[in-house]
N, C-alpha and C. Protein backbone atom coordinates (compact mmCIF):
# COMPACT_ATOMS: atom_id res chain seq x y z
N MET A 1 0.84 -1.19 0.00
CA MET A 1 0.00 0.00 0.00
C MET A 1 0.89 1.25 0.00
N THR A 2 0.55 2.21 -0.83
CA THR A 2 1.29 3.46 -0.89
C THR A 2 1.13 4.20 0.43
N LYS A 3 2.22 4.74 0.95
CA LYS A 3 2.20 5.46 2.22
C LYS A 3 2.44 6.95 1.98
N TYR A 4 1.56 7.78 2.50
CA TYR A 4 1.67 9.24 2.38
C TYR A 4 2.17 9.79 3.71
N ILE A 5 3.17 10.65 3.64
CA ILE A 5 3.85 11.09 4.86
C ILE A 5 3.75 12.60 5.03
N THR A 6 3.23 13.01 6.18
CA THR A 6 3.29 14.39 6.65
C THR A 6 3.63 14.27 8.14
N PRO A 7 4.92 14.30 8.48
CA PRO A 7 5.36 14.01 9.84
C PRO A 7 4.83 14.99 10.88
N ALA A 8 4.52 14.45 12.06
CA ALA A 8 4.20 15.30 13.21
C ALA A 8 5.48 16.05 13.57
N GLY A 9 5.37 17.24 14.07
CA GLY A 9 6.53 18.03 14.43
C GLY A 9 7.02 18.94 13.31
N MET A 10 6.46 18.79 12.11
CA MET A 10 6.77 19.70 11.01
C MET A 10 5.59 20.65 10.83
N ARG A 11 5.86 21.80 10.27
CA ARG A 11 4.78 22.71 9.93
C ARG A 11 3.85 22.01 8.95
N ALA A 12 2.56 22.21 9.11
CA ALA A 12 1.60 21.62 8.17
C ALA A 12 1.86 22.16 6.77
N PRO A 13 1.58 21.37 5.73
CA PRO A 13 1.77 21.86 4.36
C PRO A 13 1.00 23.16 4.10
N PHE A 14 1.53 23.98 3.22
CA PHE A 14 0.89 25.25 2.87
C PHE A 14 -0.44 25.05 2.15
N ALA A 15 -0.59 23.93 1.47
CA ALA A 15 -1.81 23.65 0.70
C ALA A 15 -2.09 22.16 0.81
N ARG A 16 -2.88 21.64 -0.10
CA ARG A 16 -3.29 20.24 -0.06
C ARG A 16 -2.26 19.37 -0.78
N TYR A 17 -1.24 18.91 -0.02
CA TYR A 17 -0.24 17.99 -0.54
C TYR A 17 0.39 17.25 0.63
N SER A 18 1.06 16.15 0.32
CA SER A 18 1.80 15.38 1.32
C SER A 18 3.28 15.72 1.18
N TYR A 19 4.02 15.63 2.30
CA TYR A 19 5.45 15.90 2.24
C TYR A 19 6.23 14.77 1.57
N GLY A 20 5.73 13.57 1.66
CA GLY A 20 6.42 12.44 1.05
C GLY A 20 5.45 11.34 0.69
N VAL A 21 5.87 10.50 -0.25
CA VAL A 21 5.06 9.35 -0.65
C VAL A 21 6.02 8.17 -0.81
N VAL A 22 5.70 7.05 -0.16
CA VAL A 22 6.49 5.83 -0.28
C VAL A 22 5.74 4.88 -1.19
N VAL A 23 6.40 4.47 -2.27
CA VAL A 23 5.81 3.54 -3.23
C VAL A 23 6.28 2.13 -2.86
N PRO A 24 5.35 1.21 -2.64
CA PRO A 24 5.74 -0.14 -2.24
C PRO A 24 6.40 -0.92 -3.38
N PRO A 25 7.16 -1.93 -3.03
CA PRO A 25 7.80 -2.76 -4.06
C PRO A 25 6.76 -3.35 -5.01
N GLY A 26 7.17 -3.52 -6.25
CA GLY A 26 6.30 -4.15 -7.23
C GLY A 26 5.36 -3.21 -7.98
N HIS A 27 5.39 -1.93 -7.66
CA HIS A 27 4.55 -0.97 -8.37
C HIS A 27 5.21 -0.52 -9.67
N ARG A 28 4.37 -0.21 -10.66
CA ARG A 28 4.84 0.38 -11.92
C ARG A 28 4.88 1.89 -11.73
N LEU A 29 5.87 2.54 -12.31
CA LEU A 29 5.96 4.01 -12.27
C LEU A 29 5.71 4.56 -13.66
N LEU A 30 4.99 5.66 -13.71
CA LEU A 30 4.77 6.38 -14.96
C LEU A 30 5.27 7.80 -14.76
N VAL A 31 6.14 8.24 -15.64
CA VAL A 31 6.63 9.61 -15.63
C VAL A 31 5.94 10.33 -16.77
N CYS A 32 5.15 11.34 -16.45
CA CYS A 32 4.38 12.06 -17.45
C CYS A 32 5.07 13.39 -17.75
N SER A 33 5.35 13.62 -19.00
CA SER A 33 5.93 14.90 -19.42
C SER A 33 5.02 16.05 -19.03
N GLY A 34 5.59 17.23 -18.93
CA GLY A 34 4.80 18.41 -18.62
C GLY A 34 3.71 18.62 -19.66
N GLN A 35 2.52 18.90 -19.18
CA GLN A 35 1.37 19.15 -20.05
C GLN A 35 1.00 20.62 -19.98
N LEU A 36 0.76 21.20 -21.13
CA LEU A 36 0.38 22.61 -21.23
C LEU A 36 -1.12 22.73 -21.46
N GLY A 37 -1.65 23.91 -21.21
CA GLY A 37 -3.08 24.17 -21.38
C GLY A 37 -3.46 24.42 -22.82
N ILE A 38 -3.32 23.40 -23.64
CA ILE A 38 -3.66 23.53 -25.06
C ILE A 38 -4.52 22.33 -25.44
N GLY A 39 -5.58 22.59 -26.19
CA GLY A 39 -6.49 21.54 -26.60
C GLY A 39 -6.05 20.86 -27.88
N PRO A 40 -6.73 19.78 -28.25
CA PRO A 40 -6.39 19.06 -29.48
C PRO A 40 -6.59 19.91 -30.74
N ASP A 41 -7.36 20.99 -30.59
CA ASP A 41 -7.60 21.91 -31.71
C ASP A 41 -6.57 23.05 -31.75
N ASP A 42 -5.53 22.94 -30.90
CA ASP A 42 -4.47 23.95 -30.76
C ASP A 42 -4.95 25.26 -30.12
N GLU A 43 -6.15 25.25 -29.56
CA GLU A 43 -6.66 26.43 -28.86
C GLU A 43 -6.07 26.49 -27.45
N VAL A 44 -5.69 27.70 -27.02
CA VAL A 44 -5.17 27.94 -25.68
C VAL A 44 -6.14 28.88 -24.98
N PRO A 45 -6.84 28.40 -23.95
CA PRO A 45 -7.78 29.28 -23.24
C PRO A 45 -7.05 30.45 -22.57
N PRO A 46 -7.76 31.54 -22.31
CA PRO A 46 -7.10 32.73 -21.77
C PRO A 46 -6.87 32.72 -20.26
N THR A 47 -7.48 31.78 -19.52
CA THR A 47 -7.34 31.80 -18.05
C THR A 47 -6.50 30.63 -17.56
N VAL A 48 -5.85 30.84 -16.42
CA VAL A 48 -5.05 29.77 -15.83
C VAL A 48 -5.93 28.59 -15.43
N GLU A 49 -7.15 28.87 -14.97
CA GLU A 49 -8.04 27.78 -14.57
C GLU A 49 -8.39 26.89 -15.77
N ALA A 50 -8.77 27.48 -16.87
CA ALA A 50 -9.12 26.70 -18.06
C ALA A 50 -7.91 25.94 -18.58
N GLN A 51 -6.74 26.57 -18.56
CA GLN A 51 -5.53 25.87 -18.99
C GLN A 51 -5.18 24.73 -18.04
N ALA A 52 -5.33 24.94 -16.74
CA ALA A 52 -5.03 23.88 -15.77
C ALA A 52 -5.97 22.69 -15.95
N HIS A 53 -7.25 22.95 -16.24
CA HIS A 53 -8.18 21.84 -16.51
C HIS A 53 -7.68 21.03 -17.70
N LEU A 54 -7.23 21.70 -18.76
CA LEU A 54 -6.69 20.98 -19.92
C LEU A 54 -5.45 20.18 -19.54
N CYS A 55 -4.58 20.75 -18.74
CA CYS A 55 -3.38 20.03 -18.30
C CYS A 55 -3.77 18.72 -17.63
N PHE A 56 -4.71 18.79 -16.68
CA PHE A 56 -5.09 17.59 -15.94
C PHE A 56 -5.89 16.61 -16.80
N ARG A 57 -6.68 17.10 -17.74
CA ARG A 57 -7.38 16.19 -18.65
C ARG A 57 -6.38 15.46 -19.55
N ASN A 58 -5.35 16.18 -20.02
CA ASN A 58 -4.31 15.54 -20.81
C ASN A 58 -3.57 14.49 -19.99
N ILE A 59 -3.24 14.83 -18.75
CA ILE A 59 -2.58 13.88 -17.85
C ILE A 59 -3.47 12.66 -17.64
N GLU A 60 -4.76 12.89 -17.46
CA GLU A 60 -5.69 11.78 -17.26
C GLU A 60 -5.68 10.82 -18.46
N MET A 61 -5.56 11.36 -19.68
CA MET A 61 -5.50 10.51 -20.88
C MET A 61 -4.22 9.69 -20.91
N VAL A 62 -3.09 10.30 -20.54
CA VAL A 62 -1.82 9.57 -20.49
C VAL A 62 -1.92 8.44 -19.46
N LEU A 63 -2.46 8.77 -18.28
CA LEU A 63 -2.62 7.76 -17.24
C LEU A 63 -3.51 6.61 -17.70
N LYS A 64 -4.61 6.96 -18.35
CA LYS A 64 -5.54 5.93 -18.82
C LYS A 64 -4.85 4.99 -19.80
N ASP A 65 -4.06 5.54 -20.72
CA ASP A 65 -3.34 4.69 -21.67
C ASP A 65 -2.35 3.75 -20.97
N ALA A 66 -1.91 4.13 -19.78
CA ALA A 66 -0.99 3.29 -19.00
C ALA A 66 -1.74 2.38 -18.03
N GLY A 67 -3.07 2.40 -18.08
CA GLY A 67 -3.86 1.58 -17.15
C GLY A 67 -3.91 2.16 -15.75
N MET A 68 -3.79 3.48 -15.64
CA MET A 68 -3.81 4.16 -14.35
C MET A 68 -4.90 5.22 -14.33
N THR A 69 -5.11 5.80 -13.14
CA THR A 69 -6.08 6.88 -12.97
C THR A 69 -5.41 8.05 -12.24
N LEU A 70 -6.14 9.13 -12.13
CA LEU A 70 -5.63 10.29 -11.39
C LEU A 70 -5.32 9.93 -9.94
N ALA A 71 -5.99 8.94 -9.38
CA ALA A 71 -5.75 8.53 -8.00
C ALA A 71 -4.36 7.90 -7.83
N ASP A 72 -3.71 7.52 -8.93
CA ASP A 72 -2.39 6.92 -8.86
C ASP A 72 -1.27 7.95 -8.86
N ILE A 73 -1.59 9.24 -8.98
CA ILE A 73 -0.56 10.29 -8.96
C ILE A 73 0.07 10.34 -7.58
N ILE A 74 1.41 10.29 -7.56
CA ILE A 74 2.13 10.37 -6.28
C ILE A 74 2.92 11.67 -6.16
N ARG A 75 3.14 12.37 -7.27
CA ARG A 75 3.88 13.63 -7.25
C ARG A 75 3.43 14.52 -8.39
N ILE A 76 3.28 15.81 -8.08
CA ILE A 76 2.95 16.83 -9.07
C ILE A 76 4.02 17.91 -9.03
N ASN A 77 4.52 18.29 -10.19
CA ASN A 77 5.35 19.48 -10.34
C ASN A 77 4.57 20.42 -11.24
N ALA A 78 4.31 21.60 -10.75
CA ALA A 78 3.53 22.56 -11.53
C ALA A 78 4.28 23.89 -11.61
N PHE A 79 4.06 24.58 -12.72
CA PHE A 79 4.75 25.83 -12.99
C PHE A 79 3.74 26.83 -13.51
N VAL A 80 3.70 28.02 -12.92
CA VAL A 80 2.83 29.11 -13.39
C VAL A 80 3.72 30.32 -13.65
N ILE A 81 3.22 31.24 -14.49
CA ILE A 81 4.08 32.37 -14.87
C ILE A 81 3.96 33.59 -13.95
N ALA A 82 3.01 33.56 -13.01
CA ALA A 82 2.88 34.72 -12.13
C ALA A 82 2.19 34.32 -10.82
N ARG A 83 2.53 35.04 -9.78
CA ARG A 83 1.97 34.77 -8.45
C ARG A 83 0.43 34.81 -8.45
N GLU A 84 -0.16 35.69 -9.27
CA GLU A 84 -1.62 35.80 -9.28
C GLU A 84 -2.30 34.55 -9.85
N HIS A 85 -1.55 33.64 -10.44
CA HIS A 85 -2.12 32.40 -10.98
C HIS A 85 -2.08 31.24 -9.98
N LEU A 86 -1.43 31.43 -8.84
CA LEU A 86 -1.30 30.34 -7.87
C LEU A 86 -2.64 29.81 -7.39
N GLN A 87 -3.51 30.68 -6.92
CA GLN A 87 -4.78 30.24 -6.35
C GLN A 87 -5.67 29.57 -7.39
N GLY A 88 -5.74 30.12 -8.58
CA GLY A 88 -6.56 29.52 -9.63
C GLY A 88 -6.06 28.13 -9.99
N TYR A 89 -4.76 27.98 -10.13
CA TYR A 89 -4.19 26.67 -10.41
C TYR A 89 -4.52 25.69 -9.27
N MET A 90 -4.31 26.12 -8.02
CA MET A 90 -4.51 25.22 -6.88
C MET A 90 -5.97 24.77 -6.76
N ARG A 91 -6.91 25.65 -7.07
CA ARG A 91 -8.33 25.24 -7.04
C ARG A 91 -8.58 24.12 -8.05
N VAL A 92 -8.03 24.26 -9.23
CA VAL A 92 -8.21 23.23 -10.26
C VAL A 92 -7.49 21.95 -9.84
N ARG A 93 -6.24 22.06 -9.38
CA ARG A 93 -5.49 20.88 -8.93
C ARG A 93 -6.27 20.10 -7.89
N ASP A 94 -6.82 20.81 -6.91
CA ASP A 94 -7.55 20.15 -5.82
C ASP A 94 -8.79 19.41 -6.33
N HIS A 95 -9.33 19.84 -7.45
CA HIS A 95 -10.47 19.16 -8.06
C HIS A 95 -10.06 17.78 -8.60
N TYR A 96 -8.81 17.64 -9.04
CA TYR A 96 -8.36 16.41 -9.70
C TYR A 96 -7.59 15.45 -8.80
N VAL A 97 -7.00 15.91 -7.72
CA VAL A 97 -6.18 15.01 -6.90
C VAL A 97 -7.01 14.28 -5.85
N ALA A 98 -6.58 13.07 -5.55
CA ALA A 98 -7.27 12.20 -4.60
C ALA A 98 -6.82 12.49 -3.18
N ASP A 99 -7.47 11.85 -2.23
CA ASP A 99 -7.05 11.87 -0.82
C ASP A 99 -6.46 10.53 -0.48
N PRO A 100 -5.35 10.47 0.21
CA PRO A 100 -4.53 11.62 0.59
C PRO A 100 -3.86 12.23 -0.64
N PRO A 101 -3.54 13.51 -0.56
CA PRO A 101 -2.97 14.18 -1.73
C PRO A 101 -1.53 13.75 -1.99
N PRO A 102 -1.10 13.85 -3.25
CA PRO A 102 0.29 13.51 -3.58
C PRO A 102 1.27 14.55 -3.08
N ALA A 103 2.55 14.23 -3.18
CA ALA A 103 3.59 15.23 -2.95
C ALA A 103 3.48 16.25 -4.09
N SER A 104 3.89 17.49 -3.84
CA SER A 104 3.68 18.52 -4.84
C SER A 104 4.67 19.65 -4.70
N THR A 105 5.07 20.20 -5.84
CA THR A 105 5.87 21.42 -5.89
C THR A 105 5.21 22.37 -6.88
N LEU A 106 5.13 23.64 -6.51
CA LEU A 106 4.54 24.67 -7.35
C LEU A 106 5.53 25.82 -7.45
N MET A 107 5.92 26.16 -8.68
CA MET A 107 6.92 27.20 -8.89
C MET A 107 6.40 28.29 -9.82
N ILE A 108 6.90 29.49 -9.61
CA ILE A 108 6.65 30.61 -10.52
C ILE A 108 7.86 30.68 -11.44
N VAL A 109 7.58 30.68 -12.75
CA VAL A 109 8.65 30.68 -13.75
C VAL A 109 8.53 31.91 -14.65
N GLY A 110 9.57 32.16 -15.41
CA GLY A 110 9.62 33.33 -16.28
C GLY A 110 8.77 33.22 -17.53
N GLY A 111 8.36 32.01 -17.90
CA GLY A 111 7.54 31.84 -19.09
C GLY A 111 7.74 30.48 -19.72
N PHE A 112 7.00 30.25 -20.79
CA PHE A 112 7.04 28.99 -21.51
C PHE A 112 7.38 29.26 -22.97
N THR A 113 7.28 28.24 -23.81
CA THR A 113 7.66 28.36 -25.21
C THR A 113 6.80 29.33 -26.00
N ARG A 114 5.57 29.54 -25.53
CA ARG A 114 4.68 30.52 -26.15
C ARG A 114 4.14 31.44 -25.07
N PRO A 115 3.97 32.71 -25.36
CA PRO A 115 3.54 33.65 -24.32
C PRO A 115 2.11 33.44 -23.83
N ASP A 116 1.28 32.70 -24.57
CA ASP A 116 -0.10 32.49 -24.13
C ASP A 116 -0.23 31.35 -23.13
N PHE A 117 0.83 30.56 -22.92
CA PHE A 117 0.78 29.50 -21.90
C PHE A 117 0.99 30.10 -20.52
N LEU A 118 0.11 29.74 -19.57
CA LEU A 118 0.16 30.26 -18.21
C LEU A 118 0.58 29.22 -17.18
N VAL A 119 0.42 27.93 -17.51
CA VAL A 119 0.67 26.86 -16.54
C VAL A 119 1.15 25.60 -17.27
N GLU A 120 2.01 24.85 -16.61
CA GLU A 120 2.43 23.53 -17.08
C GLU A 120 2.43 22.60 -15.88
N VAL A 121 1.98 21.36 -16.09
CA VAL A 121 1.89 20.39 -15.00
C VAL A 121 2.50 19.07 -15.46
N GLU A 122 3.37 18.51 -14.62
CA GLU A 122 3.91 17.17 -14.87
C GLU A 122 3.65 16.33 -13.63
N VAL A 123 3.51 15.02 -13.82
CA VAL A 123 3.23 14.13 -12.70
C VAL A 123 4.07 12.87 -12.76
N LEU A 124 4.15 12.25 -11.61
CA LEU A 124 4.69 10.91 -11.45
C LEU A 124 3.56 10.09 -10.84
N ALA A 125 3.30 8.91 -11.41
CA ALA A 125 2.23 8.06 -10.91
C ALA A 125 2.78 6.66 -10.64
N ALA A 126 2.15 5.96 -9.72
CA ALA A 126 2.55 4.59 -9.39
C ALA A 126 1.30 3.75 -9.16
N ALA A 127 1.34 2.52 -9.67
CA ALA A 127 0.20 1.62 -9.49
C ALA A 127 0.71 0.18 -9.43
N PRO A 128 -0.03 -0.69 -8.76
CA PRO A 128 0.39 -2.11 -8.70
C PRO A 128 0.45 -2.73 -10.08
């Protein structure tokens, strides 16, 4: 069974995430490349929330092809281009992640390959 760790004696996480995740022996790992908020029609929505939904839907498709679900995510790395996008991204993330939540890192970056991209999300997943 996967073990989620948030040790007593440490400050509680700033948001909904675990400090560590232990993957038991025999699990398969999936490393998902960073997903951007772009649809199959090459459209990029104007808001971080709409882009984040696309990121997680794309991740969900990759997981499905690997025989996994969003509940198998053990780590999220997310990148937004400005501090004002943090809350919008986190609301969307919390809609997609299971309990207990995975380990997570959220960073503010200078930009992406195109100026209309506001967020990128990559995950690591594990399943028996």
